[in-house]
Protein backbone atom coordinates (compact mmCIF):
# COMPACT_ATOMS: atom_id res chain seq x y z
CA MET A 1 32.35 -9.02 -52.99
CA LYS A 2 28.87 -9.54 -54.44
CA ASP A 3 28.27 -12.39 -51.98
CA ILE A 4 29.15 -10.20 -49.02
CA LEU A 5 26.84 -7.44 -50.25
CA ARG A 6 24.03 -9.91 -50.90
CA LEU A 7 24.41 -11.50 -47.45
CA GLY A 8 24.51 -8.04 -45.87
CA LEU A 9 21.28 -7.03 -47.61
CA ILE A 10 19.59 -10.28 -46.56
CA LEU A 11 20.69 -9.70 -42.97
CA LEU A 12 19.45 -6.10 -43.16
CA GLY A 13 16.09 -7.36 -44.45
CA PHE A 14 15.75 -9.82 -41.58
CA GLY A 15 16.68 -7.08 -39.11
CA ILE A 16 14.07 -4.70 -40.49
CA MET A 17 11.38 -7.41 -40.52
CA SER A 18 12.23 -8.40 -36.94
CA ALA A 19 12.06 -4.78 -35.77
CA LEU A 20 8.70 -4.26 -37.50
CA LEU A 21 7.26 -7.46 -35.99
CA LEU A 22 8.54 -6.51 -32.54
CA GLY A 23 7.01 -3.03 -32.85
CA LEU A 24 3.71 -4.48 -34.03
CA THR A 25 3.65 -6.97 -31.15
CA TYR A 26 4.31 -4.14 -28.70
CA GLN A 27 1.44 -2.07 -30.10
CA VAL A 28 -0.97 -5.01 -30.08
CA THR A 29 -0.18 -6.01 -26.49
CA LEU A 30 0.17 -2.51 -24.99
CA GLU A 31 -3.55 -1.92 -24.36
CA PRO A 32 -4.29 -5.35 -22.81
CA ILE A 33 -1.25 -5.02 -20.52
CA THR A 34 -2.31 -1.52 -19.45
CA GLN A 35 -5.85 -2.72 -18.76
CA SER A 36 -4.56 -5.70 -16.80
CA ARG A 37 -2.37 -3.47 -14.62
CA ALA A 38 -5.24 -1.05 -13.99
CA LEU A 39 -7.51 -3.95 -12.98
CA ALA A 40 -4.82 -5.31 -10.63
CA ASP A 41 -4.48 -1.85 -9.06
CA GLN A 42 -8.26 -1.61 -8.55
CA GLN A 43 -8.34 -5.05 -6.94
CA ASN A 44 -5.41 -4.17 -4.67
CA GLN A 45 -7.09 -0.90 -3.65
CA GLN A 46 -10.12 -2.87 -2.56
CA LEU A 47 -7.94 -5.37 -0.69
CA VAL A 48 -6.01 -2.70 1.25
CA SER A 49 -9.11 -0.64 2.05
CA PRO A 50 -11.95 -3.19 2.13
CA GLU A 51 -14.58 -0.87 3.64
CA ALA A 52 -14.33 1.64 0.79
CA ASP A 53 -16.81 1.65 -2.06
CA ALA A 54 -15.00 4.30 -4.15
CA PHE A 55 -11.45 5.52 -4.69
CA VAL A 56 -11.04 9.15 -5.75
CA PRO A 57 -7.57 10.27 -6.90
CA VAL A 58 -6.22 13.29 -5.02
CA GLU A 59 -5.54 16.51 -6.91
CA GLU A 60 -2.31 16.58 -8.88
CA SER A 61 -1.08 19.65 -6.96
CA VAL A 62 -1.44 17.78 -3.65
CA LEU A 63 0.32 14.72 -5.09
CA ALA A 64 3.16 16.91 -6.40
CA GLY A 65 3.63 18.46 -2.95
CA ILE A 66 3.84 15.05 -1.30
CA ARG A 67 6.25 13.78 -3.94
CA GLU A 68 8.71 16.54 -3.00
CA THR A 69 9.48 14.71 0.25
CA ASN A 70 8.38 11.21 -0.85
CA PRO A 71 9.36 10.80 -4.52
CA GLY A 72 8.50 7.09 -4.52
CA ILE A 73 4.76 7.72 -4.17
CA LEU A 74 3.16 7.11 -7.56
CA GLU A 75 -0.56 7.52 -6.85
CA ILE A 76 -2.79 8.55 -3.97
CA ALA A 77 -6.54 8.11 -3.75
CA GLU A 78 -9.08 8.92 -1.08
CA ALA A 79 -10.88 5.77 0.07
CA GLN A 80 -14.54 6.69 0.41
CA THR A 81 -17.71 5.11 1.73
CA SER A 82 -20.98 6.77 0.71
CA GLY A 83 -19.05 9.87 -0.37
CA GLN A 84 -17.23 10.25 2.97
CA THR A 85 -13.45 9.90 3.12
CA ILE A 86 -12.55 7.01 5.42
CA GLY A 87 -8.85 6.81 4.55
CA TYR A 88 -6.24 6.86 1.84
CA VAL A 89 -4.67 4.39 -0.54
CA ALA A 90 -1.24 5.01 -2.03
CA LYS A 91 0.86 3.16 -4.54
CA SER A 92 4.61 3.54 -4.10
CA ALA A 93 7.71 2.38 -5.92
CA ILE A 94 10.56 1.54 -3.55
CA ASN A 95 13.95 -0.09 -3.88
CA GLY A 96 14.10 -3.54 -2.36
CA PHE A 97 16.97 -6.00 -2.52
CA GLY A 98 16.11 -7.12 -6.06
CA GLY A 99 15.28 -3.71 -7.51
CA GLN A 100 12.09 -1.68 -7.61
CA MET A 101 8.99 -2.97 -5.87
CA GLU A 102 5.46 -1.61 -6.08
CA VAL A 103 3.59 -1.45 -2.79
CA MET A 104 -0.10 -0.56 -2.35
CA VAL A 105 -0.93 0.65 1.17
CA GLY A 106 -4.24 1.60 2.75
CA VAL A 107 -4.60 3.68 5.91
CA ASP A 108 -7.58 5.10 7.76
CA ARG A 109 -7.88 8.81 8.61
CA SER A 110 -6.16 8.31 11.98
CA GLY A 111 -3.09 6.72 10.37
CA LYS A 112 -3.80 3.06 11.14
CA VAL A 113 -2.85 0.65 8.37
CA THR A 114 -5.87 -1.09 6.84
CA GLY A 115 -3.84 -3.30 4.52
CA ILE A 116 -0.87 -3.65 2.18
CA ARG A 117 -0.18 -5.61 -1.00
CA LEU A 118 2.90 -5.97 -3.15
CA GLY A 119 2.66 -5.41 -6.87
CA ASN A 120 5.43 -5.89 -9.40
CA HIS A 121 8.78 -6.84 -7.90
CA ALA A 122 11.94 -8.80 -8.64
CA GLU A 123 12.75 -10.00 -5.13
CA THR A 124 14.59 -13.28 -4.63
CA PRO A 125 12.22 -16.27 -4.76
CA GLY A 126 11.94 -17.93 -1.36
CA LEU A 127 13.38 -14.90 0.45
CA GLY A 128 12.34 -11.36 -0.47
CA ASP A 129 9.31 -12.46 -2.43
CA ASN A 130 7.89 -13.78 0.85
CA ALA A 131 6.81 -10.17 1.39
CA SER A 132 3.93 -10.93 -0.97
CA LYS A 133 2.70 -13.73 1.30
CA PRO A 134 0.02 -13.26 3.99
CA GLU A 135 2.42 -14.29 6.76
CA PHE A 136 4.29 -11.04 6.14
CA TYR A 137 1.74 -8.48 4.97
CA GLU A 138 -0.91 -9.44 7.53
CA GLN A 139 1.39 -8.04 10.25
CA PHE A 140 0.64 -4.45 9.16
CA PRO A 141 -3.13 -3.88 9.63
CA GLY A 142 -3.81 -1.93 12.81
CA LEU A 143 -0.28 -0.54 13.13
CA ASP A 144 0.11 3.25 13.46
CA ILE A 145 2.11 5.06 10.76
CA ILE A 146 1.98 8.35 12.67
CA SER A 147 4.19 6.81 15.38
CA GLY A 148 6.24 5.00 12.75
CA ILE A 149 6.33 1.27 12.19
CA GLY A 150 9.55 -0.52 13.06
CA VAL A 151 11.18 -3.71 11.84
CA ASN A 152 12.54 -6.30 14.27
CA LYS A 153 14.49 -9.41 13.31
CA ASN A 154 13.34 -11.24 16.43
CA GLU A 155 10.11 -10.87 18.39
CA PRO A 156 8.34 -7.66 17.31
CA GLY A 157 7.28 -5.15 19.93
CA PRO A 158 4.38 -2.72 19.80
CA ASN A 159 4.04 -1.07 16.39
CA GLU A 160 6.72 -3.34 14.87
CA ILE A 161 6.69 -6.12 12.33
CA GLN A 162 8.94 -9.16 12.25
CA ALA A 163 11.43 -9.07 9.38
CA ILE A 164 11.47 -11.87 6.86
CA THR A 165 14.36 -14.20 7.71
CA GLY A 166 17.15 -13.56 5.20
CA ALA A 167 15.32 -10.60 3.65
CA THR A 168 15.73 -7.72 6.08
CA VAL A 169 16.36 -5.26 3.23
CA THR A 170 13.02 -6.15 1.66
CA SER A 171 11.23 -5.99 5.02
CA ARG A 172 12.65 -2.52 5.71
CA ALA A 173 11.84 -1.31 2.19
CA VAL A 174 8.20 -2.36 2.48
CA THR A 175 7.97 -0.81 5.95
CA ASP A 176 9.49 2.44 4.63
CA ALA A 177 6.82 2.52 1.91
CA VAL A 178 4.13 2.09 4.57
CA ASN A 179 5.66 4.77 6.81
CA ALA A 180 5.78 7.19 3.85
CA LEU A 181 2.01 7.44 4.10
CA LYS A 182 2.43 9.54 7.24
CA ALA A 183 3.04 12.51 4.94
CA VAL A 184 -0.07 11.60 2.96
CA VAL A 185 -2.28 11.48 6.04
CA GLU A 186 -0.84 14.73 7.41
CA GLU A 187 -0.93 16.61 4.09
CA VAL A 188 -4.21 15.40 2.58
CA ALA A 189 -6.21 15.25 5.81
CA ARG A 190 -5.70 18.96 6.51
C-alpha cells in the first residue's frame, strides 16, 4: 500500500513539474510568437498592396458591420499613399480542405485585386498548399471582385482563375475569401 502511495505521489510530482514547465515555456514564447505573426502580417500587407506606404485599421464599428455578413474577416486596413486611401487590405480566416486558412487580400478602390497571400494553413502538401505558390496566387491581381471572381478547372475565362489540380476545394475557398472583399469595398468606400 505504501509503495502505491509513494509511486502515486512521485507521479503527481512529475505531473505538476511538467505542467509548470509547459506553462513557463508558453509564457516565455508567447511574446516572440506574437511579434513574429505581426511582422508576417505587415510584410504580407506590403506584398498585397505594394503601392501603399501606410496601413490604417478601419474603425471597429465598421469592421463589426462587415463581419455580420462576412464573419471570416479578421482585420481590415485602409491602404494609403501620402495619406490618401488607395485601397483596402483584409485578413480572412476561411475553411479550406485541411481546415482553417488565413488569406491576406489587397484591393484598390475600384475593386481590382492588387495581390493575395496565404498565411497559416494546414492544406495537403503538394495539393492544397500549392495555393501559397506564385503559380496560383499570381492569377488574382487585376481581377474584379465587384463582378465576382470565378474558379474554372480547365481554361479560365475573363475574371476567373484556374483551380489547382486536385485541390478545387482550396481554390474555391481562397477565391471566396477574395470575393468577400466586395462587401469591404462597398461598405468602407461609402
